[in-house]
Amino acid sequence: MARPLVDSNITGVAGEFYVAAEISKRGGIATLTIKNTPSIDLIVTNPRNGKSANIQVKTRSVNNQQGWKLTKKVGTKSTIKNHFYVFVNLKKDELPDYYIIPFNEFAVFINKKHQRWLKATDRKGKQHEDNDIRNFKPDKVNLPLYKADARLGKKYKDNWDILGIF
């Protein structure tokens, strides 16, 4: 029997709580923001040194084998200090994978990737047409289109130190 789909809002909240738990287990404090806070899902701090970071969480559901489907908005740079994406890959019977990536580095990465995609052709040899979809598939290491995703993913997988608060 197929598993029922989980509402995307519930999936997103689950990812935020997983990230908060990871911060907490390392001695930090994580505060979830209210839902209309633009670009920040968690504000995290280390009470021992006063350092903080701002996190936007993107969560991939247990049944999602396609990677993160994002909008072109992820290509917009941030003016927020110490700003990060945390991509959470939920799994059925084990803890999630986390990719902690500086916000502006990801914006540059995704824009370059999209430009490469636009210059390429589809399976029928037709030029790709621009659209608002952006995707990130760091675990698709054997697919040529996603080699850059895999390299970025390897650099930042479970790299909590990049937040600079511990």
Protein backbone atom coordinates (compact mmCIF):
# COMPACT_ATOMS: atom_id res chain seq x y z
CA MET A 1 0.00 0.00 0.00
CA ALA A 2 1.32 3.46 -0.91
CA ARG A 3 2.09 5.81 1.93
CA PRO A 4 -0.25 8.80 2.17
CA LEU A 5 1.19 12.14 1.15
CA VAL A 6 2.09 14.44 4.01
CA ASP A 7 1.00 18.06 3.77
CA SER A 8 3.94 20.24 2.65
CA ASN A 9 3.43 22.62 5.59
CA ILE A 10 3.83 19.73 8.03
CA THR A 11 6.94 18.55 6.18
CA GLY A 12 8.40 22.06 6.37
CA VAL A 13 7.72 22.38 10.08
CA ALA A 14 9.26 18.94 10.69
CA GLY A 15 12.45 20.13 9.00
CA GLU A 16 12.54 23.27 11.12
CA PHE A 17 12.21 21.24 14.31
CA TYR A 18 14.94 18.83 13.21
CA VAL A 19 17.28 21.77 12.59
CA ALA A 20 16.36 23.29 15.98
CA ALA A 21 17.16 19.94 17.62
CA GLU A 22 20.57 19.77 15.92
CA ILE A 23 21.41 23.29 17.12
CA SER A 24 20.24 22.43 20.63
CA LYS A 25 22.24 19.23 20.86
CA ARG A 26 25.37 21.27 20.05
CA GLY A 27 24.64 23.72 22.89
CA GLY A 28 22.92 26.44 20.90
CA ILE A 29 19.52 28.02 21.23
CA ALA A 30 17.16 27.90 18.26
CA THR A 31 14.05 30.05 18.01
CA LEU A 32 11.49 29.37 15.31
CA THR A 33 10.12 32.54 13.75
CA ILE A 34 6.48 33.22 13.02
CA LYS A 35 5.38 32.03 9.60
CA ASN A 36 5.32 35.40 7.85
CA THR A 37 8.97 36.21 8.60
CA PRO A 38 10.60 36.55 5.18
CA SER A 39 13.72 34.45 4.52
CA ILE A 40 14.28 33.35 8.14
CA ASP A 41 12.77 30.25 9.74
CA LEU A 42 15.13 30.04 12.72
CA ILE A 43 17.30 32.47 14.61
CA VAL A 44 20.06 30.56 16.36
CA THR A 45 22.58 31.66 18.95
CA ASN A 46 25.27 30.29 21.16
CA PRO A 47 24.78 31.65 24.70
CA ARG A 48 28.44 30.99 25.60
CA ASN A 49 29.91 33.28 22.94
CA GLY A 50 26.95 35.42 21.80
CA LYS A 51 27.35 34.48 18.14
CA SER A 52 24.20 34.05 16.06
CA ALA A 53 22.99 32.96 12.64
CA ASN A 54 19.81 33.21 10.60
CA ILE A 55 18.50 30.10 8.87
CA GLN A 56 16.06 29.46 6.04
CA VAL A 57 15.03 25.78 6.06
CA LYS A 58 14.06 23.84 2.93
CA THR A 59 12.72 20.36 3.66
CA ARG A 60 12.42 17.41 1.33
CA SER A 61 9.75 14.86 2.27
CA VAL A 62 10.38 11.19 2.94
CA ASN A 63 8.79 10.16 -0.38
CA ASN A 64 10.60 12.78 -2.46
CA GLN A 65 13.29 11.16 -4.59
CA GLN A 66 13.49 14.14 -6.95
CA GLY A 67 15.49 16.58 -4.84
CA TRP A 68 14.44 20.06 -3.79
CA LYS A 69 12.22 21.92 -6.25
CA LEU A 70 12.64 25.62 -5.61
CA THR A 71 11.51 28.87 -7.15
CA LYS A 72 13.78 31.40 -8.83
CA LYS A 73 13.61 33.42 -5.60
CA VAL A 74 16.47 31.25 -4.25
CA GLY A 75 18.74 33.03 -6.73
CA THR A 76 18.25 36.35 -4.95
CA LYS A 77 21.11 37.36 -2.66
CA SER A 78 20.45 38.28 0.95
CA THR A 79 21.44 41.38 2.89
CA ILE A 80 20.91 39.54 6.19
CA LYS A 81 24.10 38.99 8.15
CA ASN A 82 25.21 35.39 8.78
CA HIS A 83 22.39 33.94 6.68
CA PHE A 84 22.20 30.27 5.69
CA TYR A 85 20.05 27.71 3.97
CA VAL A 86 19.67 24.36 5.67
CA PHE A 87 18.37 21.74 3.26
CA VAL A 88 16.81 18.88 5.23
CA ASN A 89 16.39 15.49 3.58
CA LEU A 90 13.86 13.54 5.67
CA LYS A 91 14.22 9.76 5.70
CA LYS A 92 11.83 7.01 6.71
CA ASP A 93 13.70 5.17 9.46
CA GLU A 94 16.81 7.24 10.13
CA LEU A 95 17.87 10.77 10.92
CA PRO A 96 17.80 13.31 8.08
CA ASP A 97 20.70 14.53 6.01
CA TYR A 98 21.48 18.23 6.36
CA TYR A 99 23.19 20.54 3.89
CA ILE A 100 24.13 23.82 5.61
CA ILE A 101 25.02 26.31 2.86
CA PRO A 102 25.73 30.06 3.08
CA PHE A 103 22.71 31.83 1.62
CA ASN A 104 24.52 34.01 -0.91
CA GLU A 105 26.84 31.21 -2.02
CA PHE A 106 23.77 29.14 -2.84
CA ALA A 107 22.17 32.05 -4.72
CA VAL A 108 25.24 32.39 -6.94
CA PHE A 109 25.44 28.60 -7.38
CA ILE A 110 21.79 28.19 -8.41
CA ASN A 111 21.94 31.12 -10.86
CA LYS A 112 25.03 29.71 -12.58
CA LYS A 113 23.44 26.27 -12.71
CA HIS A 114 20.29 27.69 -14.27
CA GLN A 115 22.31 29.57 -16.89
CA ARG A 116 24.13 26.33 -17.82
CA TRP A 117 20.76 24.57 -18.09
CA LEU A 118 19.39 27.31 -20.38
CA LYS A 119 22.37 26.90 -22.72
CA ALA A 120 21.86 23.13 -22.91
CA THR A 121 19.28 21.26 -24.96
CA ASP A 122 16.62 18.78 -23.90
CA ARG A 123 16.48 15.10 -24.94
CA LYS A 124 15.01 16.07 -28.31
CA GLY A 125 17.75 18.61 -29.01
CA LYS A 126 15.48 21.60 -28.35
CA GLN A 127 16.78 24.62 -26.44
CA HIS A 128 15.46 24.82 -22.87
CA GLU A 129 12.97 27.61 -22.23
CA ASP A 130 13.33 29.80 -19.16
CA ASN A 131 11.03 29.06 -16.23
CA ASP A 132 10.76 29.76 -12.51
CA ILE A 133 11.81 26.28 -11.36
CA ARG A 134 15.21 25.67 -9.79
CA ASN A 135 16.27 22.33 -8.37
CA PHE A 136 18.96 21.03 -6.07
CA LYS A 137 19.92 17.36 -6.02
CA PRO A 138 23.13 16.89 -4.03
CA ASP A 139 22.62 13.14 -3.67
CA LYS A 140 22.37 12.48 -7.44
CA VAL A 141 26.11 11.93 -7.80
CA ASN A 142 25.92 9.75 -10.92
CA LEU A 143 23.91 12.15 -13.08
CA PRO A 144 26.05 14.55 -15.17
CA LEU A 145 23.61 17.44 -14.79
CA TYR A 146 23.93 17.24 -11.00
CA LYS A 147 27.70 16.85 -10.53
CA ALA A 148 27.97 20.45 -9.32
CA ASP A 149 25.11 19.78 -6.87
CA ALA A 150 26.97 16.73 -5.55
CA ARG A 151 30.20 18.74 -5.08
CA LEU A 152 28.36 21.50 -3.20
CA GLY A 153 26.48 18.90 -1.16
CA LYS A 154 29.68 17.08 -0.21
CA LYS A 155 31.26 20.35 0.93
CA TYR A 156 28.36 21.28 3.21
CA LYS A 157 26.72 18.00 4.25
CA ASP A 158 26.31 18.00 8.05
CA ASN A 159 28.78 20.90 8.25
CA TRP A 160 27.23 22.67 11.26
CA ASP A 161 30.50 24.51 11.99
CA ILE A 162 29.89 26.68 8.91
CA LEU A 163 27.28 28.58 10.94
CA GLY A 164 30.16 30.13 12.92
CA ILE A 165 28.36 29.99 16.25
CA PHE A 166 30.00 26.94 17.89
